[in-house]
Amino acid sequence: MHKQWAEAERRYAEVAEGYPETVAAPEAVYWRGVSRYKGANDHMALGGVAKELREKYPESVWTLKSSIWLE
């Protein structure tokens, strides 16, 4: 809502990196990527996030949601 994309990206990264074995980690990776995309308007970031999710969390619903970002 406040469009503080860099701050959001940083906070999601903290969760993803600090708690990689939790159920919150894949969601944090997903939203970190969305924040990066929104802040930089760089759609290439989304493909990298989808690949990361596929590698680290293949069974997560967030991996499935991000699959549309793969080309």
Protein backbone atom coordinates (compact mmCIF):
# COMPACT_ATOMS: atom_id res chain seq x y z
CA MET A 1 0.00 0.00 0.00
CA HIS A 2 2.85 2.39 0.81
CA LYS A 3 4.98 1.11 -2.07
CA GLN A 4 8.07 0.67 0.08
CA TRP A 5 9.32 -2.13 -2.15
CA ALA A 6 12.96 -2.12 -1.07
CA GLU A 7 12.00 -2.37 2.59
CA ALA A 8 9.54 -5.16 1.85
CA GLU A 9 12.15 -7.04 -0.17
CA ARG A 10 14.65 -6.72 2.67
CA ARG A 11 12.20 -7.99 5.27
CA TYR A 12 11.08 -10.96 3.17
CA ALA A 13 14.73 -11.81 2.56
CA GLU A 14 15.33 -11.81 6.32
CA VAL A 15 12.57 -14.37 6.80
CA ALA A 16 13.62 -16.53 3.85
CA GLU A 17 17.29 -16.57 4.86
CA GLY A 18 16.78 -16.65 8.62
CA TYR A 19 14.19 -19.42 8.69
CA PRO A 20 14.75 -21.52 5.56
CA GLU A 21 13.29 -24.72 7.04
CA THR A 22 9.95 -23.22 8.05
CA VAL A 23 6.68 -23.20 6.12
CA ALA A 24 6.97 -19.39 5.94
CA ALA A 25 10.18 -19.48 3.91
CA PRO A 26 8.71 -20.30 0.47
CA GLU A 27 6.08 -17.59 0.86
CA ALA A 28 8.78 -15.11 1.89
CA VAL A 29 10.83 -16.03 -1.20
CA TYR A 30 7.75 -15.52 -3.38
CA TRP A 31 6.90 -12.11 -1.93
CA ARG A 32 10.56 -11.05 -1.92
CA GLY A 33 10.50 -11.58 -5.68
CA VAL A 34 7.25 -9.69 -6.10
CA SER A 35 8.68 -6.81 -4.09
CA ARG A 36 11.82 -6.77 -6.26
CA TYR A 37 9.69 -6.78 -9.40
CA LYS A 38 7.42 -3.99 -8.17
CA GLY A 39 10.34 -1.85 -7.03
CA ALA A 40 12.44 -2.19 -10.16
CA ASN A 41 9.77 -3.13 -12.72
CA ASP A 42 12.07 -5.99 -13.68
CA HIS A 43 10.12 -9.04 -14.77
CA MET A 44 13.34 -11.06 -15.04
CA ALA A 45 13.46 -11.22 -11.23
CA LEU A 46 10.32 -13.32 -11.21
CA GLY A 47 11.84 -16.12 -13.29
CA GLY A 48 14.76 -16.38 -10.90
CA VAL A 49 12.40 -16.59 -7.95
CA ALA A 50 10.40 -19.35 -9.62
CA LYS A 51 13.60 -21.32 -10.23
CA GLU A 52 14.74 -20.79 -6.65
CA LEU A 53 11.42 -22.01 -5.32
CA ARG A 54 11.48 -25.06 -7.60
CA GLU A 55 14.95 -25.98 -6.35
CA LYS A 56 14.49 -25.29 -2.64
CA TYR A 57 10.78 -25.96 -2.10
CA PRO A 58 9.46 -28.20 -4.88
CA GLU A 59 6.35 -29.24 -2.94
CA SER A 60 5.26 -25.77 -1.84
CA VAL A 61 2.08 -24.14 -3.07
CA TRP A 62 4.20 -21.00 -3.59
CA THR A 63 6.31 -22.91 -6.10
CA LEU A 64 3.15 -23.78 -8.00
CA LYS A 65 1.95 -20.17 -7.90
CA SER A 66 5.29 -18.96 -9.27
CA SER A 67 5.40 -21.50 -12.10
CA ILE A 68 3.69 -19.05 -14.47
CA TRP A 69 6.81 -16.90 -14.25
CA LEU A 70 8.92 -19.52 -15.98
CA GLU A 71 9.23 -19.24 -19.72
